[in-house]
Amino acid sequence: MSRVDDIPVPGESAPEQGAAVDRAAIRRAAMDLLARREHSLQELRQKLHRRFGGASELAVELQRLQEENLQSDSRYAESFARQRMLRGYGPLRLRQEMRQKGIPEAEASLALEALDIDWYSHAQAVCDRKFGTGPAADLKEKGRRQRFLQYRGFSQDHISACLHS
C-alpha cells in the first residue's frame, strides 16, 4: 500500500510474515498518522499492522514513539474525551469508548477528571438541546428522554436530576 490511511492499492499487499520491513517506512507512516490527529497506541498498532503486517520492527518503532512522547495515550484520552463531551456524550459512554480504543482505565479516569465538568448540568443542556426546555408531556415522552440520555452515556443520577427539574 502506498498511503498511510489504509486504502489498498490494487496489486499491492501487506508484506508477508518474515519479510524485511524498513523501520524508517514504519516510522514515517506512524508520523503521518500522528500528524493528522492523536491516536491511541492500539489504533496506531492496528493501522500500521494492516500496512506492514506483523513485523517485529513495528513494536520497536511504537515503543520508540512512546519514549519520545510522540504518541501518548493520556494526551489522546484527554483530546478524545473533550471532543466527545462537546458533542453531547456523558461519562459512561466516554469511558466505554476509551476502553474500546485501548486506553487504560487509569488514563480514562484522568482524562474525565481533567474535563472538570458538572455532568448534571451537561446532561440538562444535552436534554434541553434535543427536546427543548419544557417538561415531558407524558410518561411516553419522559421514557423517550430517559432512553436518549442513557444512550448518550449519562448515569441514572444524571438522568433523574435532569428529568425532575
Protein backbone atom coordinates (compact mmCIF):
# COMPACT_ATOMS: atom_id res chain seq x y z
CA MET A 1 0.00 0.00 0.00
CA SER A 2 1.29 3.40 -0.79
CA ARG A 3 -0.80 5.56 1.54
CA VAL A 4 -0.97 5.62 5.29
CA ASP A 5 -4.72 5.91 5.56
CA ASP A 6 -5.12 2.23 4.79
CA ILE A 7 -6.58 2.50 1.30
CA PRO A 8 -5.37 -0.59 -0.53
CA VAL A 9 -3.67 -0.10 -3.86
CA PRO A 10 -4.60 -2.74 -6.45
CA GLY A 11 -1.90 -5.36 -6.82
CA GLU A 12 -0.12 -4.34 -3.63
CA SER A 13 -0.50 -6.12 -0.29
CA ALA A 14 0.98 -6.05 3.17
CA PRO A 15 4.36 -7.76 3.44
CA GLU A 16 4.23 -11.41 4.41
CA GLN A 17 5.37 -12.52 7.83
CA GLY A 18 9.14 -12.59 7.94
CA ALA A 19 9.59 -10.16 5.05
CA ALA A 20 12.03 -7.37 5.73
CA VAL A 21 10.27 -4.13 6.59
CA ASP A 22 12.03 -0.81 6.59
CA ARG A 23 11.87 0.73 10.08
CA ALA A 24 12.06 4.18 8.54
CA ALA A 25 8.94 3.44 6.49
CA ILE A 26 7.09 2.33 9.64
CA ARG A 27 8.16 5.48 11.46
CA ARG A 28 7.21 7.69 8.51
CA ALA A 29 3.76 6.09 8.29
CA ALA A 30 3.23 6.45 12.05
CA MET A 31 4.32 10.09 11.99
CA ASP A 32 1.96 10.79 9.09
CA LEU A 33 -0.94 9.36 11.10
CA LEU A 34 0.03 11.24 14.25
CA ALA A 35 0.40 14.50 12.32
CA ARG A 36 -3.28 14.34 11.36
CA ARG A 37 -4.60 13.66 14.87
CA GLU A 38 -3.74 11.91 18.12
CA HIS A 39 -4.07 8.12 18.04
CA SER A 40 -4.19 5.62 20.86
CA LEU A 41 -1.43 3.03 20.84
CA GLN A 42 -3.98 0.35 19.93
CA GLU A 43 -5.32 2.37 16.97
CA LEU A 44 -1.83 3.12 15.71
CA ARG A 45 -0.80 -0.53 16.06
CA GLN A 46 -3.88 -1.70 14.13
CA LYS A 47 -3.40 0.76 11.28
CA LEU A 48 0.30 0.04 10.93
CA HIS A 49 -0.28 -3.71 11.22
CA ARG A 50 -2.67 -3.54 8.26
CA ARG A 51 0.00 -1.82 6.23
CA PHE A 52 3.16 -3.61 7.35
CA GLY A 53 1.89 -6.90 8.72
CA GLY A 54 3.16 -8.38 11.96
CA ALA A 55 6.71 -7.08 11.58
CA SER A 56 8.76 -7.20 14.76
CA GLU A 57 10.09 -3.77 13.83
CA LEU A 58 6.57 -2.42 14.36
CA ALA A 59 6.69 -2.99 18.12
CA VAL A 60 10.13 -1.43 18.33
CA GLU A 61 9.03 1.70 16.47
CA LEU A 62 5.85 2.06 18.51
CA GLN A 63 7.86 1.81 21.72
CA ARG A 64 10.27 4.44 20.39
CA LEU A 65 7.39 6.81 19.55
CA GLN A 66 6.09 6.46 23.10
CA GLU A 67 9.52 7.07 24.62
CA GLU A 68 9.89 10.23 22.53
CA ASN A 69 6.38 11.30 23.64
CA LEU A 70 5.20 11.49 20.06
CA GLN A 71 2.44 9.01 20.86
CA SER A 72 0.71 9.36 24.20
CA ASP A 73 -2.40 7.53 25.36
CA SER A 74 -3.01 10.17 28.05
CA ARG A 75 -2.86 13.01 25.52
CA TYR A 76 -5.15 11.04 23.20
CA ALA A 77 -7.60 10.31 26.03
CA GLU A 78 -7.84 13.99 27.01
CA SER A 79 -8.37 15.06 23.41
CA PHE A 80 -10.91 12.31 22.76
CA ALA A 81 -12.86 12.98 25.98
CA ARG A 82 -13.10 16.73 25.33
CA GLN A 83 -14.16 16.19 21.73
CA ARG A 84 -16.88 13.67 22.58
CA MET A 85 -18.11 15.65 25.60
CA LEU A 86 -18.59 18.71 23.36
CA ARG A 87 -20.75 16.54 21.09
CA GLY A 88 -23.08 15.80 24.00
CA TYR A 89 -21.88 12.49 25.39
CA GLY A 90 -21.78 11.55 29.06
CA PRO A 91 -19.09 9.99 31.24
CA LEU A 92 -20.25 6.38 30.94
CA ARG A 93 -20.18 6.47 27.14
CA LEU A 94 -16.82 8.26 27.10
CA ARG A 95 -15.29 5.66 29.41
CA GLN A 96 -16.69 2.81 27.30
CA GLU A 97 -15.41 4.27 24.03
CA MET A 98 -11.96 4.90 25.50
CA ARG A 99 -11.88 1.29 26.74
CA GLN A 100 -12.69 0.11 23.19
CA LYS A 101 -9.83 2.22 21.85
CA GLY A 102 -7.38 0.56 24.23
CA ILE A 103 -7.00 3.39 26.73
CA PRO A 104 -6.11 2.08 30.21
CA GLU A 105 -8.73 2.71 32.90
CA ALA A 106 -6.40 5.00 34.85
CA GLU A 107 -5.78 7.18 31.78
CA ALA A 108 -9.52 7.35 31.05
CA SER A 109 -10.27 8.42 34.63
CA LEU A 110 -7.62 11.14 34.50
CA ALA A 111 -8.98 12.40 31.18
CA LEU A 112 -12.52 12.60 32.56
CA GLU A 113 -11.30 14.41 35.68
CA ALA A 114 -9.34 16.86 33.51
CA LEU A 115 -12.60 17.89 31.81
CA ASP A 116 -13.68 19.46 35.11
CA ILE A 117 -17.34 19.44 34.12
CA ASP A 118 -20.60 19.33 36.04
CA TRP A 119 -22.19 16.26 34.43
CA TYR A 120 -25.61 17.13 35.86
CA SER A 121 -25.75 20.47 34.08
CA HIS A 122 -24.23 18.92 30.97
CA ALA A 123 -26.99 16.27 30.90
CA GLN A 124 -29.58 19.03 31.32
CA ALA A 125 -28.05 21.05 28.46
CA VAL A 126 -28.00 17.98 26.17
CA CYS A 127 -31.61 17.20 27.05
CA ASP A 128 -32.70 20.82 26.51
CA ARG A 129 -30.92 20.99 23.17
CA LYS A 130 -32.68 17.84 21.96
CA PHE A 131 -36.13 18.24 23.49
CA GLY A 132 -36.48 21.89 24.46
CA THR A 133 -36.69 23.36 27.94
CA GLY A 134 -40.23 22.31 28.80
CA PRO A 135 -41.06 19.28 30.94
CA ALA A 136 -42.07 15.98 29.39
CA ALA A 137 -45.75 16.00 28.42
CA ASP A 138 -46.42 12.40 29.47
CA LEU A 139 -44.74 9.18 30.57
CA LYS A 140 -44.05 8.14 27.00
CA GLU A 141 -42.11 11.36 26.37
CA LYS A 142 -40.30 11.03 29.69
CA GLY A 143 -39.24 7.48 28.74
CA ARG A 144 -38.04 8.73 25.37
CA ARG A 145 -35.87 11.36 27.04
CA GLN A 146 -34.53 8.85 29.53
CA ARG A 147 -33.53 6.38 26.79
CA PHE A 148 -31.84 9.16 24.83
CA LEU A 149 -29.76 10.24 27.84
CA GLN A 150 -28.87 6.62 28.65
CA TYR A 151 -27.70 6.10 25.07
CA ARG A 152 -25.61 9.24 25.36
CA GLY A 153 -23.86 7.78 28.41
CA PHE A 154 -25.28 9.60 31.40
CA SER A 155 -25.78 7.81 34.70
CA GLN A 156 -29.20 7.25 36.24
CA ASP A 157 -28.45 10.00 38.78
CA HIS A 158 -27.77 12.49 36.00
CA ILE A 159 -30.91 11.44 34.14
CA SER A 160 -33.14 11.60 37.23
CA ALA A 161 -31.87 15.07 38.08
CA CYS A 162 -32.44 16.20 34.53
CA LEU A 163 -35.97 14.84 34.22
CA HIS A 164 -37.15 16.04 37.63
CA SER A 165 -36.01 19.64 37.29
